[in-house]
Protein backbone atom coordinates (compact mmCIF):
# COMPACT_ATOMS: atom_id res chain seq x y z
CA MET A 1 -23.68 49.53 26.31
CA ILE A 2 -24.15 46.30 28.17
CA LEU A 3 -23.47 44.32 24.95
CA ARG A 4 -20.19 46.30 24.60
CA LEU A 5 -19.12 45.51 28.28
CA LEU A 6 -20.13 41.79 27.65
CA ALA A 7 -17.88 41.62 24.72
CA GLY A 8 -14.72 43.35 26.62
CA LEU A 9 -15.24 41.00 29.44
CA THR A 10 -15.12 38.08 26.88
CA VAL A 11 -11.97 39.41 25.29
CA CYS A 12 -10.30 39.88 28.72
CA ILE A 13 -11.12 36.35 29.79
CA MET A 14 -9.84 34.93 26.47
CA LEU A 15 -6.56 36.86 26.63
CA ALA A 16 -6.14 36.10 30.36
CA GLY A 17 -6.10 32.13 29.41
CA CYS A 18 -3.09 33.03 27.29
CA GLY A 19 -1.36 35.18 29.47
CA LYS A 20 0.58 32.63 31.44
CA PRO A 21 1.58 29.65 29.35
CA ALA A 22 3.12 26.75 30.93
CA GLN A 23 5.89 24.77 29.66
CA LEU A 24 5.23 21.35 28.06
CA ILE A 25 7.20 18.42 29.30
CA ALA A 26 6.81 16.47 26.05
CA GLN A 27 6.79 17.46 22.43
CA CYS A 28 3.59 16.77 20.62
CA ALA A 29 3.30 13.09 21.87
CA GLY A 30 0.69 11.02 23.49
CA ASP A 31 -1.65 12.86 25.72
CA ASP A 32 0.28 16.03 24.68
CA LEU A 33 -1.29 16.14 21.29
CA LYS A 34 -4.31 17.51 22.80
CA SER A 35 -2.38 20.11 24.31
CA ALA A 36 -0.71 20.66 21.13
CA GLN A 37 -4.04 21.67 19.46
CA HIS A 38 -4.71 24.53 21.90
CA TYR A 39 -0.96 25.83 21.42
CA ALA A 40 -2.11 26.40 18.05
CA ASP A 41 -4.85 28.70 19.05
CA CYS A 42 -2.80 30.33 21.47
CA VAL A 43 1.00 30.77 20.28
CA ARG A 44 2.09 31.93 16.71
CA ASN A 45 5.30 32.04 14.77
CA ALA A 46 6.48 28.73 16.37
CA PRO A 47 10.07 27.80 15.40
CA PRO A 48 10.14 24.21 13.43
CA ILE A 49 11.54 20.99 14.68
CA LEU A 50 14.12 19.86 12.14
CA THR A 51 14.40 16.46 13.67
CA PRO A 52 12.01 13.40 12.97
CA ILE A 53 9.14 12.47 15.16
CA GLY A 54 9.67 9.07 16.75
CA PRO A 55 12.63 6.82 17.35
CA PRO A 56 15.82 7.82 15.64
CA PRO A 57 15.91 4.87 13.24
CA VAL A 58 12.83 6.01 11.38
CA PRO A 59 14.43 8.79 9.05
CA LEU A 60 11.62 8.79 6.56
CA LEU A 61 8.51 6.90 7.36
CA ASP A 62 7.22 9.30 10.04
CA ARG A 63 8.99 12.70 9.28
CA ILE A 64 6.12 14.86 9.56
CA ARG A 65 8.04 17.95 10.54
CA VAL A 66 6.15 19.64 13.60
CA TYR A 67 6.84 22.92 15.21
CA GLN A 68 7.91 23.16 18.78
CA ALA A 69 5.04 23.16 21.23
CA THR A 70 6.90 24.80 23.84
CA TRP A 71 4.00 26.60 25.36
CA ASP A 72 0.64 25.26 26.74
CA PHE A 73 -2.88 27.00 27.49
CA ASP A 74 -2.79 27.71 31.04
CA GLY A 75 -6.04 26.39 32.45
CA PRO A 76 -8.30 23.39 32.31
CA VAL A 77 -9.66 22.58 28.79
CA LYS A 78 -11.83 19.34 28.69
CA GLY A 79 -11.59 17.38 25.46
CA LEU A 80 -10.89 18.78 21.88
CA GLN A 81 -12.08 22.21 21.57
CA PRO A 82 -10.30 23.60 18.57
CA ASN A 83 -13.32 25.71 17.51
CA TYR A 84 -12.05 29.00 18.48
CA LEU A 85 -9.18 31.25 17.78
CA PHE A 86 -7.68 33.73 20.36
CA PHE A 87 -5.91 35.90 17.69
CA PRO A 88 -4.69 35.81 14.17
CA VAL A 89 -2.81 32.46 13.45
CA SER A 90 0.29 31.87 11.67
CA SER A 91 0.69 28.97 9.13
CA GLU A 92 3.09 27.43 11.33
CA ALA A 93 0.66 27.04 13.99
CA LEU A 94 -2.04 25.63 11.86
CA ILE A 95 0.27 23.04 10.64
CA ASN A 96 1.32 21.98 14.14
CA ARG A 97 -2.52 21.66 14.76
CA ALA A 98 -3.07 19.73 11.90
CA ILE A 99 -0.23 17.27 12.81
CA ALA A 100 -1.56 16.69 16.30
CA ARG A 101 -5.08 16.15 14.75
CA LEU A 102 -3.57 13.55 12.26
CA ARG A 103 -1.88 11.83 15.05
CA LEU A 104 -5.28 11.62 16.98
CA GLY A 105 -7.02 10.39 13.75
CA TYR A 106 -8.97 13.55 12.95
CA TYR A 107 -7.81 13.50 9.21
CA PHE A 108 -10.66 15.64 7.85
CA ASN A 109 -10.11 18.31 10.67
CA ALA A 110 -6.41 18.40 9.84
CA LEU A 111 -7.14 19.08 6.38
CA GLU A 112 -9.31 21.92 7.09
CA ASP A 113 -6.15 23.31 9.09
CA LEU A 114 -4.04 22.77 6.26
CA ASP A 115 -5.97 24.39 3.79
CA ALA A 116 -6.10 27.44 6.02
CA ALA A 117 -2.24 27.20 6.37
CA ILE A 118 -1.88 27.30 2.64
CA GLN A 119 -3.98 30.34 2.57
CA PHE A 120 -1.84 32.08 5.06
CA ASN A 121 1.45 30.91 3.30
CA PRO A 122 0.81 29.61 -0.49
CA VAL A 123 4.51 28.72 -0.59
CA SER A 124 4.92 26.73 2.47
CA GLY A 125 6.47 23.46 1.59
CA ASP A 126 5.83 21.91 5.08
CA ALA A 127 2.20 22.69 4.55
CA PHE A 128 1.69 21.07 1.24
CA TYR A 129 3.86 18.06 2.59
CA VAL A 130 1.70 17.42 5.72
CA ARG A 131 -1.29 17.74 3.55
CA GLY A 132 0.14 15.28 0.91
CA ARG A 133 0.63 12.88 3.91
CA ALA A 134 -2.82 13.27 5.10
CA TYR A 135 -4.12 12.45 1.75
CA LEU A 136 -2.16 9.26 1.68
CA LEU A 137 -3.56 8.43 5.04
CA LEU A 138 -7.05 8.95 3.59
CA GLY A 139 -6.36 6.61 0.39
CA ARG A 140 -6.14 9.50 -2.27
CA PRO A 141 -2.89 9.01 -3.76
CA ARG A 142 -3.62 11.39 -6.70
CA ARG A 143 -4.11 14.37 -4.50
CA ALA A 144 -1.01 13.27 -2.37
CA ALA A 145 1.11 13.27 -5.44
CA ALA A 146 0.00 16.86 -6.42
CA ASP A 147 0.49 18.09 -3.01
CA LEU A 148 4.09 16.34 -2.38
CA THR A 149 5.06 17.81 -6.03
CA GLU A 150 4.27 21.06 -4.77
CA ALA A 151 6.10 20.69 -1.63
CA LEU A 152 9.26 19.71 -3.55
CA ARG A 153 8.78 23.11 -5.34
CA TYR A 154 9.40 24.83 -2.25
CA ALA A 155 11.63 22.31 -0.42
CA PRO A 156 13.62 20.41 -3.34
CA GLY A 157 15.76 17.60 -2.73
CA ARG A 158 14.17 16.58 0.62
CA ALA A 159 14.48 12.79 0.70
CA ASP A 160 11.19 12.32 2.83
CA ILE A 161 9.01 14.04 0.40
CA HIS A 162 10.57 11.98 -2.54
CA TYR A 163 9.79 9.02 -0.52
CA HIS A 164 6.13 9.64 0.13
CA ARG A 165 5.53 11.01 -3.58
CA ALA A 166 6.97 7.60 -4.67
CA ASN A 167 4.49 5.70 -2.61
CA ALA A 168 1.72 7.67 -3.99
CA TYR A 169 2.85 6.94 -7.54
CA ARG A 170 3.39 3.42 -6.86
CA GLN A 171 -0.56 3.40 -5.69
CA LEU A 172 -1.30 5.01 -8.94
CA GLY A 173 0.48 2.52 -11.16
CA ARG A 174 2.83 5.08 -11.99
CA PHE A 175 5.84 2.92 -11.58
CA GLN A 176 8.51 4.85 -13.64
CA ASP A 177 7.87 7.78 -11.75
CA ALA A 178 7.83 5.94 -8.38
CA LEU A 179 11.25 4.39 -9.35
CA LEU A 180 12.63 7.81 -9.89
CA ASP A 181 11.65 8.94 -6.51
CA TYR A 182 12.86 5.95 -4.59
CA ASN A 183 16.12 6.35 -6.43
CA GLN A 184 16.33 9.98 -5.35
CA THR A 185 15.48 9.00 -1.89
CA LEU A 186 18.22 6.37 -1.70
CA ARG A 187 20.73 8.60 -3.10
CA ALA A 188 20.24 10.79 -0.17
CA GLU A 189 19.66 8.40 2.46
CA ARG A 190 21.00 4.80 1.82
CA GLY A 191 20.11 3.07 4.95
CA VAL A 192 16.29 3.05 4.72
CA ALA A 193 14.93 -0.39 4.65
CA GLU A 194 11.25 0.52 3.58
CA ALA A 195 12.79 2.43 0.63
CA HIS A 196 14.48 -0.48 -0.52
CA ALA A 197 11.57 -2.73 -0.07
CA ASN A 198 9.19 -0.40 -2.04
CA ARG A 199 11.83 0.25 -4.75
CA GLY A 200 12.17 -3.79 -4.96
CA ALA A 201 8.29 -4.03 -5.14
CA VAL A 202 8.27 -1.46 -8.09
CA LEU A 203 11.04 -3.24 -9.78
CA HIS A 204 9.29 -6.55 -9.46
CA ARG A 205 6.40 -5.22 -11.06
CA MET A 206 8.16 -3.67 -13.81
CA GLY A 207 9.58 -7.27 -14.64
CA TYR A 208 13.06 -6.50 -13.26
CA LEU A 209 13.38 -9.56 -11.01
CA PRO A 210 17.30 -9.58 -10.36
CA ALA A 211 17.23 -5.83 -9.48
CA ALA A 212 14.10 -6.43 -7.38
CA MET A 213 16.05 -9.08 -5.39
CA ASN A 214 18.79 -6.86 -4.77
CA ASP A 215 16.69 -4.38 -3.10
CA TYR A 216 14.65 -7.19 -1.05
CA ALA A 217 18.17 -8.34 0.20
CA ALA A 218 19.20 -4.89 1.01
CA ALA A 219 16.11 -4.33 3.03
CA LEU A 220 16.57 -7.40 4.82
CA LYS A 221 19.88 -6.76 5.73
CA LEU A 222 18.81 -3.70 7.38
CA ARG A 223 15.59 -5.02 8.53
CA PRO A 224 15.90 -8.98 9.06
CA ASP A 225 12.30 -8.96 10.34
CA MET A 226 10.76 -7.14 7.32
CA HIS A 227 7.61 -9.11 6.57
CA GLN A 228 7.05 -7.20 3.34
CA ALA A 229 10.59 -7.93 1.66
CA ALA A 230 10.65 -11.52 2.89
CA TYR A 231 7.32 -12.40 1.42
CA ASN A 232 8.09 -10.54 -1.91
CA ARG A 233 11.44 -12.17 -2.36
CA CYS A 234 9.72 -15.64 -2.16
CA ALA A 235 7.11 -14.49 -4.72
CA ALA A 236 10.08 -13.71 -6.89
CA ASN A 237 11.73 -16.84 -6.13
CA ILE A 238 8.42 -18.73 -7.38
CA GLN A 239 8.63 -16.72 -10.53
CA LEU A 240 12.62 -17.43 -11.00
CA GLY A 241 11.58 -21.28 -10.53
CA GLU A 242 13.50 -21.34 -7.18
CA TYR A 243 10.91 -23.27 -5.54
CA THR A 244 13.13 -24.85 -2.81
CA GLN A 245 14.12 -21.19 -1.55
CA ALA A 246 10.69 -20.01 -1.88
CA ILE A 247 9.26 -23.01 0.27
CA GLU A 248 12.13 -22.23 2.90
CA GLY A 249 11.56 -18.60 3.09
CA LEU A 250 7.65 -19.11 3.33
CA HIS A 251 8.20 -21.84 5.90
CA ALA A 252 10.06 -19.24 8.03
CA LEU A 253 7.30 -16.54 7.60
CA ILE A 254 4.75 -19.06 8.67
CA LYS A 255 6.58 -19.89 11.76
CA GLN A 256 6.45 -16.10 12.57
CA PHE A 257 2.92 -15.52 11.41
CA PRO A 258 1.15 -18.90 11.74
CA LEU A 259 -2.51 -17.22 11.19
CA GLN A 260 -1.66 -15.45 7.92
CA LEU A 261 -3.46 -17.50 5.20
CA ASP A 262 -1.82 -15.87 2.09
CA LEU A 263 1.57 -17.48 3.26
CA TYR A 264 -0.14 -21.08 3.30
CA ARG A 265 -1.54 -20.31 -0.20
CA SER A 266 1.83 -19.09 -1.53
CA ARG A 267 3.74 -21.92 -0.12
CA ALA A 268 0.95 -24.34 -1.59
CA GLU A 269 1.72 -22.89 -5.08
CA ALA A 270 5.35 -23.33 -4.68
CA HIS A 271 4.81 -27.01 -3.80
CA ARG A 272 2.37 -27.67 -6.75
CA LEU A 273 4.86 -26.13 -9.05
CA ALA A 274 7.77 -28.29 -7.67
CA GLY A 275 5.65 -31.19 -7.73
CA ASP A 276 5.08 -31.99 -4.19
CA ILE A 277 1.07 -32.62 -4.69
CA GLY A 278 0.55 -33.76 -1.00
CA ALA A 279 2.23 -30.98 0.66
CA ALA A 280 0.41 -28.50 -1.77
CA LEU A 281 -2.86 -30.25 -0.95
CA ALA A 282 -2.17 -29.92 2.87
CA ASP A 283 -1.47 -26.08 2.52
CA TYR A 284 -4.72 -25.48 0.29
CA GLN A 285 -6.59 -27.58 2.73
CA HIS A 286 -5.26 -25.89 5.81
CA THR A 287 -6.45 -22.46 4.33
CA LEU A 288 -9.92 -23.93 3.21
CA GLU A 289 -10.57 -25.04 6.80
CA ALA A 290 -10.01 -21.59 8.12
CA PHE A 291 -11.69 -19.80 5.05
CA PRO A 292 -13.75 -22.32 2.94
CA ASP A 293 -14.53 -19.47 0.25
CA ASP A 294 -11.05 -18.69 -0.51
CA THR A 295 -11.14 -18.49 -4.18
CA ALA A 296 -7.25 -18.74 -4.78
CA SER A 297 -7.13 -22.03 -2.72
CA LEU A 298 -10.24 -23.37 -4.43
CA THR A 299 -8.67 -22.82 -7.71
CA GLY A 300 -5.26 -24.19 -6.64
CA ARG A 301 -6.94 -27.13 -5.24
CA GLY A 302 -8.87 -27.75 -8.37
CA LEU A 303 -5.79 -27.49 -10.59
CA ILE A 304 -4.17 -30.26 -8.40
CA LYS A 305 -7.19 -32.38 -8.75
CA ALA A 306 -7.47 -32.03 -12.36
CA GLN A 307 -3.63 -32.81 -12.71
CA THR A 308 -4.28 -36.03 -10.76
CA ASN A 309 -7.32 -36.96 -12.82
CA GLN A 310 -9.87 -36.02 -10.08
CA LEU A 311 -11.94 -34.27 -12.78
CA ALA A 312 -15.24 -34.10 -11.03
CA GLY A 313 -13.84 -32.86 -7.69
CA ALA A 314 -11.92 -30.31 -9.86
CA GLU A 315 -14.77 -28.98 -11.75
CA ALA A 316 -16.70 -28.79 -7.87
CA ASP A 317 -13.73 -26.49 -7.02
CA PHE A 318 -13.95 -24.39 -9.81
CA ASN A 319 -17.64 -24.19 -9.64
CA HIS A 320 -17.27 -23.06 -6.11
CA ALA A 321 -14.78 -20.39 -6.83
CA LEU A 322 -16.87 -18.83 -9.53
CA ARG A 323 -19.95 -18.92 -7.12
CA VAL A 324 -18.10 -16.91 -4.61
CA ASP A 325 -16.52 -14.61 -7.30
CA PRO A 326 -18.10 -14.50 -10.63
CA GLY A 327 -15.27 -12.28 -11.76
CA ASN A 328 -12.41 -14.44 -11.23
CA ALA A 329 -10.53 -14.90 -14.61
CA SER A 330 -8.01 -17.40 -13.25
CA ALA A 331 -10.91 -19.70 -12.19
CA TYR A 332 -12.55 -19.47 -15.63
CA ARG A 333 -9.28 -20.15 -17.31
CA ALA A 334 -8.69 -23.13 -15.10
CA ARG A 335 -12.38 -24.36 -15.62
CA GLY A 336 -11.76 -24.01 -19.39
CA ALA A 337 -8.63 -26.02 -19.25
CA LEU A 338 -10.65 -28.81 -17.51
CA TYR A 339 -13.37 -28.67 -19.91
CA ALA A 340 -10.86 -29.13 -22.92
CA LEU A 341 -9.22 -32.01 -21.10
CA MET A 342 -12.73 -33.61 -20.92
CA GLY A 343 -13.40 -32.99 -24.74
CA ARG A 344 -16.18 -30.28 -23.85
CA ALA A 345 -14.77 -27.92 -26.45
CA PRO A 346 -17.84 -25.53 -26.81
CA GLU A 347 -18.01 -24.99 -23.04
CA ALA A 348 -14.19 -24.91 -22.76
CA LEU A 349 -14.17 -21.98 -25.44
CA ARG A 350 -17.07 -19.97 -23.52
CA ASN A 351 -14.88 -20.34 -20.22
CA PHE A 352 -11.79 -19.26 -22.16
CA ASP A 353 -13.73 -15.99 -23.72
CA GLU A 354 -14.96 -15.20 -20.29
CA ALA A 355 -11.42 -15.10 -18.78
CA ILE A 356 -10.12 -12.99 -21.81
CA ASN A 357 -12.92 -10.40 -21.25
CA LEU A 358 -12.36 -10.26 -17.67
CA GLY A 359 -8.35 -10.18 -18.07
CA PRO A 360 -7.71 -9.18 -21.45
CA HIS A 361 -3.73 -8.83 -20.76
CA GLU A 362 -3.36 -12.32 -19.28
CA ALA A 363 -1.12 -14.09 -21.64
CA ALA A 364 -2.03 -17.49 -20.44
CA SER A 365 -5.66 -17.07 -21.33
CA HIS A 366 -4.80 -16.19 -24.95
CA LEU A 367 -2.50 -19.22 -25.11
CA GLU A 368 -5.03 -21.81 -23.74
CA ARG A 369 -7.85 -20.48 -26.16
CA ALA A 370 -5.16 -20.62 -28.97
CA ARG A 371 -4.44 -24.29 -28.54
CA LEU A 372 -8.36 -24.77 -28.14
CA LEU A 373 -8.91 -23.09 -31.42
CA HIS A 374 -6.32 -25.05 -33.32
CA LEU A 375 -8.00 -28.32 -31.97
CA MET A 376 -11.39 -26.74 -33.29
CA GLY A 377 -9.96 -26.02 -36.63
CA GLU A 378 -10.28 -22.33 -36.18
CA ASN A 379 -6.67 -21.78 -37.26
CA ASP A 380 -7.19 -17.98 -38.12
CA ARG A 381 -8.73 -17.17 -34.66
CA ALA A 382 -5.84 -19.03 -33.13
CA ALA A 383 -3.43 -16.87 -34.84
CA GLU A 384 -4.90 -13.83 -33.71
CA ASP A 385 -4.59 -15.23 -29.93
CA GLU A 386 -0.82 -16.32 -30.56
CA ALA A 387 0.07 -12.80 -31.79
CA MET A 388 -1.63 -11.24 -28.63
CA VAL A 389 0.52 -13.87 -26.50
CA LYS A 390 3.69 -12.53 -28.46
CA ARG A 391 2.71 -8.92 -27.64
CA LEU A 392 1.92 -9.45 -23.96
CA SER A 393 5.24 -11.41 -23.68
CA GLU A 394 7.22 -8.40 -24.68
CA LEU A 395 5.71 -6.37 -21.68
CA PRO A 396 6.62 -7.27 -17.97
CA GLU A 397 4.08 -9.17 -16.49
CA LEU A 398 2.53 -7.71 -13.34
CA PRO A 399 2.64 -10.68 -10.71
CA PRO A 400 -0.37 -10.59 -8.26
CA GLY A 401 1.38 -11.70 -5.00
CA ILE A 402 3.46 -8.61 -4.35
CA LEU A 403 2.82 -6.93 -1.21
CA PRO A 404 2.39 -3.35 -1.58
């Protein structure tokens, strides 16, 4: 009897807490996120907000559709206490609480809510969409792509879903699928700088440089301060042999971001290829003063030393790079070319072999080994490497310097 009375009293207290909800001033932003979590416990069947959260110019990047938190728990609630439910919860309320948790950084708790929301409503496009976004935040693009595909089954044609699925595909290396989704996104909403920049990066990696340059230009027209598009355009200019444009672009970026070492490294590479050895060495030196174990800068400086007949210094730089990163195919290839120049053919061959073991699809390593094998009289082996170079040249090269 006493237990029944206590249980009844508990229910009355809980229902009293939800009896007089107070109006929220803001909609799931800032400190009100905590209130939003309790709203999910107390209110069901909330209407969805169809407009994006955040400033109006961000139509895709932050479009997690939330549900209107118009009522709040009436009474002081300390901290986050989401472990109780006052009565049967709707999938909409669970999605809303999951979004609040995502914005507070509680990703795994959000996943629990989204799993429950999908159990309540297995055809909720919003639940699959938000869970897909959560998996992207957690660095699990395969799960994200599966959820976003499911979201498109129930909400076909939504540009924001296509955009985020494209990002998942890009992380998975499924560039053709990513390209199709970016195209779908930009057909629906043309003025999205991030979609242009990301499609440009995909086209760049697929080897379509002119098309990539068009997308970078479109992104920068919409967002002149977009670092990603500006940097990738410089990388494309280096590949196209437009070293002056690349150097000018990197110089402008360095003015904006003077502490970003990869900018100095890229400008050094452009200077080296343009034949300005002094400027290249200055940029590599700047990077190495800040980070003495930077393997790309060590390898680049070593190539310049080899080019200027500082063979011992070049070997020291390559050895240093390989001590730091024994799996660096570029450093093995560079050291192999140095040993070939010094007439140390067996050591050069061992370095080329190691470079190819580590990077079997890098045409430059096969080409260097083929040249050495011809000099060593091993023409049959050299022919195999030359055939591989031809096969690889028919595939688009994946440039390493593109920002994701």
